[in-house]
Amino acid sequence: MIAVETLASLVALVIVAALTAVTHDPWLIPPLAASMALVVGGAHFPLSQPRNVIGGHVMSAIVGVLAWVLAGGSLPSASKVSEDHLLDLEREAFLSLCGEPKTLERIQYTLKTGKTLRN
């Protein structure tokens, strides 16, 4: 059983590495590789269930965007960050999230029913 899980993890990592080589984009991101190994290799563990893994990545993405905004975005490290620049970054991140299909579904559901949708 462990041999099959190990082989499946190895095959999946090789596929992701091949995608990186073909597209020249970073597909093999260490947290994703570790999560993939957890989901494939330890599917019976409670914390490696897809809901927990996806939730963890969503939370880390939100924290990453927040840190990027608070750090001034793509400004050089020695630059002063104005309040207007921070507001522009915040607005850009907010509008980016508002354009996501799941966000739109949540907004429409909340407006229609008055309840929150957890999708």
C-alpha atoms as a PDB file:
ATOM      1  CA  MET A   1       0.000   0.000   0.000  1.00  0.00           C
ATOM      2  CA  ILE A   2       2.779   2.465   0.899  1.00  0.00           C
ATOM      3  CA  ALA A   3       4.632   1.548  -2.291  1.00  0.00           C
ATOM      4  CA  VAL A   4       1.569   2.436  -4.402  1.00  0.00           C
ATOM      5  CA  GLU A   5       1.107   5.767  -2.577  1.00  0.00           C
ATOM      6  CA  THR A   6       4.788   6.579  -2.963  1.00  0.00           C
ATOM      7  CA  LEU A   7       4.725   5.723  -6.660  1.00  0.00           C
ATOM      8  CA  ALA A   8       1.580   7.830  -7.185  1.00  0.00           C
ATOM      9  CA  SER A   9       3.211  10.803  -5.438  1.00  0.00           C
ATOM     10  CA  LEU A  10       6.356  10.402  -7.512  1.00  0.00           C
ATOM     11  CA  VAL A  11       4.380  10.226 -10.787  1.00  0.00           C
ATOM     12  CA  ALA A  12       2.370  13.325  -9.831  1.00  0.00           C
ATOM     13  CA  LEU A  13       5.528  15.280  -8.945  1.00  0.00           C
ATOM     14  CA  VAL A  14       7.182  14.233 -12.224  1.00  0.00           C
ATOM     15  CA  ILE A  15       4.123  15.467 -14.159  1.00  0.00           C
ATOM     16  CA  VAL A  16       4.227  18.819 -12.352  1.00  0.00           C
ATOM     17  CA  ALA A  17       7.987  19.111 -12.947  1.00  0.00           C
ATOM     18  CA  ALA A  18       7.428  18.347 -16.641  1.00  0.00           C
ATOM     19  CA  LEU A  19       4.786  21.098 -16.814  1.00  0.00           C
ATOM     20  CA  THR A  20       7.345  23.474 -15.333  1.00  0.00           C
ATOM     21  CA  ALA A  21       9.909  22.513 -17.963  1.00  0.00           C
ATOM     22  CA  VAL A  22       7.457  22.778 -20.873  1.00  0.00           C
ATOM     23  CA  THR A  23       5.696  26.031 -19.927  1.00  0.00           C
ATOM     24  CA  HIS A  24       8.652  27.761 -18.217  1.00  0.00           C
ATOM     25  CA  ASP A  25       6.261  28.739 -15.409  1.00  0.00           C
ATOM     26  CA  PRO A  26       6.782  27.738 -11.762  1.00  0.00           C
ATOM     27  CA  TRP A  27       4.343  24.835 -11.344  1.00  0.00           C
ATOM     28  CA  LEU A  28       6.449  23.053  -8.740  1.00  0.00           C
ATOM     29  CA  ILE A  29       5.933  25.341  -5.772  1.00  0.00           C
ATOM     30  CA  PRO A  30       7.215  23.695  -2.557  1.00  0.00           C
ATOM     31  CA  PRO A  31       3.993  24.081  -0.487  1.00  0.00           C
ATOM     32  CA  LEU A  32       1.929  22.642  -3.340  1.00  0.00           C
ATOM     33  CA  ALA A  33       4.335  19.741  -3.759  1.00  0.00           C
ATOM     34  CA  ALA A  34       4.175  18.995  -0.039  1.00  0.00           C
ATOM     35  CA  SER A  35       0.379  19.205  -0.058  1.00  0.00           C
ATOM     36  CA  MET A  36       0.178  16.940  -3.057  1.00  0.00           C
ATOM     37  CA  ALA A  37       2.391  14.384  -1.328  1.00  0.00           C
ATOM     38  CA  LEU A  38       0.149  14.590   1.766  1.00  0.00           C
ATOM     39  CA  VAL A  39      -3.081  14.164  -0.179  1.00  0.00           C
ATOM     40  CA  VAL A  40      -1.798  11.289  -2.304  1.00  0.00           C
ATOM     41  CA  GLY A  41       0.474   9.614   0.233  1.00  0.00           C
ATOM     42  CA  GLY A  42      -1.491  10.132   3.424  1.00  0.00           C
ATOM     43  CA  ALA A  43      -5.089  10.361   2.296  1.00  0.00           C
ATOM     44  CA  HIS A  44      -6.277   8.611   5.448  1.00  0.00           C
ATOM     45  CA  PHE A  45      -4.977  11.384   7.760  1.00  0.00           C
ATOM     46  CA  PRO A  46      -7.588  13.980   8.831  1.00  0.00           C
ATOM     47  CA  LEU A  47      -5.408  17.004   8.030  1.00  0.00           C
ATOM     48  CA  SER A  48      -4.613  15.773   4.521  1.00  0.00           C
ATOM     49  CA  GLN A  49      -8.244  15.800   3.408  1.00  0.00           C
ATOM     50  CA  PRO A  50      -8.864  18.064   0.394  1.00  0.00           C
ATOM     51  CA  ARG A  51     -11.000  20.533   2.380  1.00  0.00           C
ATOM     52  CA  ASN A  52      -8.206  21.158   4.884  1.00  0.00           C
ATOM     53  CA  VAL A  53      -5.502  21.395   2.230  1.00  0.00           C
ATOM     54  CA  ILE A  54      -7.481  23.777   0.007  1.00  0.00           C
ATOM     55  CA  GLY A  55      -8.544  25.866   3.010  1.00  0.00           C
ATOM     56  CA  GLY A  56      -4.935  26.178   4.093  1.00  0.00           C
ATOM     57  CA  HIS A  57      -3.839  27.347   0.649  1.00  0.00           C
ATOM     58  CA  VAL A  58      -6.690  29.867   0.447  1.00  0.00           C
ATOM     59  CA  MET A  59      -5.749  31.299   3.846  1.00  0.00           C
ATOM     60  CA  SER A  60      -2.073  31.499   2.889  1.00  0.00           C
ATOM     61  CA  ALA A  61      -2.984  33.242  -0.390  1.00  0.00           C
ATOM     62  CA  ILE A  62      -5.054  35.826   1.492  1.00  0.00           C
ATOM     63  CA  VAL A  63      -2.231  36.424   3.956  1.00  0.00           C
ATOM     64  CA  GLY A  64       0.249  36.674   1.067  1.00  0.00           C
ATOM     65  CA  VAL A  65      -1.850  39.293  -0.740  1.00  0.00           C
ATOM     66  CA  LEU A  66      -2.310  41.221   2.496  1.00  0.00           C
ATOM     67  CA  ALA A  67       1.438  41.153   3.183  1.00  0.00           C
ATOM     68  CA  TRP A  68       2.143  42.258  -0.394  1.00  0.00           C
ATOM     69  CA  VAL A  69      -0.241  45.220  -0.020  1.00  0.00           C
ATOM     70  CA  LEU A  70       1.131  46.218   3.396  1.00  0.00           C
ATOM     71  CA  ALA A  71       4.713  46.000   2.108  1.00  0.00           C
ATOM     72  CA  GLY A  72       3.939  48.434  -0.710  1.00  0.00           C
ATOM     73  CA  GLY A  73       3.519  46.032  -3.597  1.00  0.00           C
ATOM     74  CA  SER A  74       6.167  46.177  -6.276  1.00  0.00           C
ATOM     75  CA  LEU A  75       7.866  49.355  -5.082  1.00  0.00           C
ATOM     76  CA  PRO A  76      11.638  49.219  -4.572  1.00  0.00           C
ATOM     77  CA  SER A  77      12.581  48.360  -0.997  1.00  0.00           C
ATOM     78  CA  ALA A  78      13.955  51.800  -0.108  1.00  0.00           C
ATOM     79  CA  SER A  79      10.869  53.705  -1.323  1.00  0.00           C
ATOM     80  CA  LYS A  80       8.433  55.595   0.826  1.00  0.00           C
ATOM     81  CA  VAL A  81       4.931  54.194   0.558  1.00  0.00           C
ATOM     82  CA  SER A  82       2.177  56.759   0.407  1.00  0.00           C
ATOM     83  CA  GLU A  83      -1.295  56.171   1.767  1.00  0.00           C
ATOM     84  CA  ASP A  84      -2.722  56.638  -1.738  1.00  0.00           C
ATOM     85  CA  HIS A  85      -0.457  53.907  -3.089  1.00  0.00           C
ATOM     86  CA  LEU A  86      -1.585  51.508  -0.336  1.00  0.00           C
ATOM     87  CA  LEU A  87      -5.231  52.328  -1.068  1.00  0.00           C
ATOM     88  CA  ASP A  88      -4.646  51.685  -4.780  1.00  0.00           C
ATOM     89  CA  LEU A  89      -3.049  48.299  -3.993  1.00  0.00           C
ATOM     90  CA  GLU A  90      -5.902  47.411  -1.651  1.00  0.00           C
ATOM     91  CA  ARG A  91      -8.492  48.422  -4.258  1.00  0.00           C
ATOM     92  CA  GLU A  92      -6.696  46.391  -6.940  1.00  0.00           C
ATOM     93  CA  ALA A  93      -6.580  43.280  -4.727  1.00  0.00           C
ATOM     94  CA  PHE A  94     -10.236  43.699  -3.713  1.00  0.00           C
ATOM     95  CA  LEU A  95     -11.420  44.095  -7.306  1.00  0.00           C
ATOM     96  CA  SER A  96      -9.344  41.089  -8.332  1.00  0.00           C
ATOM     97  CA  LEU A  97     -11.079  38.972  -5.690  1.00  0.00           C
ATOM     98  CA  CYS A  98     -14.495  40.348  -6.682  1.00  0.00           C
ATOM     99  CA  GLY A  99     -13.968  39.065 -10.211  1.00  0.00           C
ATOM    100  CA  GLU A 100     -13.601  35.448  -9.080  1.00  0.00           C
ATOM    101  CA  PRO A 101     -16.604  33.238  -9.978  1.00  0.00           C
ATOM    102  CA  LYS A 102     -16.998  31.859  -6.450  1.00  0.00           C
ATOM    103  CA  THR A 103     -16.956  35.374  -4.990  1.00  0.00           C
ATOM    104  CA  LEU A 104     -19.673  36.442  -7.403  1.00  0.00           C
ATOM    105  CA  GLU A 105     -21.747  33.392  -6.430  1.00  0.00           C
ATOM    106  CA  ARG A 106     -21.380  34.307  -2.744  1.00  0.00           C
ATOM    107  CA  ILE A 107     -22.399  37.929  -3.339  1.00  0.00           C
ATOM    108  CA  GLN A 108     -25.447  36.961  -5.408  1.00  0.00           C
ATOM    109  CA  TYR A 109     -26.533  34.326  -2.880  1.00  0.00           C
ATOM    110  CA  THR A 110     -26.170  36.738   0.053  1.00  0.00           C
ATOM    111  CA  LEU A 111     -28.128  39.465  -1.746  1.00  0.00           C
ATOM    112  CA  LYS A 112     -30.885  37.020  -2.653  1.00  0.00           C
ATOM    113  CA  THR A 113     -31.248  35.134   0.657  1.00  0.00           C
ATOM    114  CA  GLY A 114     -29.588  37.308   3.289  1.00  0.00           C
ATOM    115  CA  LYS A 115     -27.450  34.323   4.330  1.00  0.00           C
ATOM    116  CA  THR A 116     -23.808  33.546   3.611  1.00  0.00           C
ATOM    117  CA  LEU A 117     -22.819  30.897   1.086  1.00  0.00           C
ATOM    118  CA  ARG A 118     -19.852  28.676   1.900  1.00  0.00           C
ATOM    119  CA  ASN A 119     -18.725  27.277  -1.442  1.00  0.00           C
END
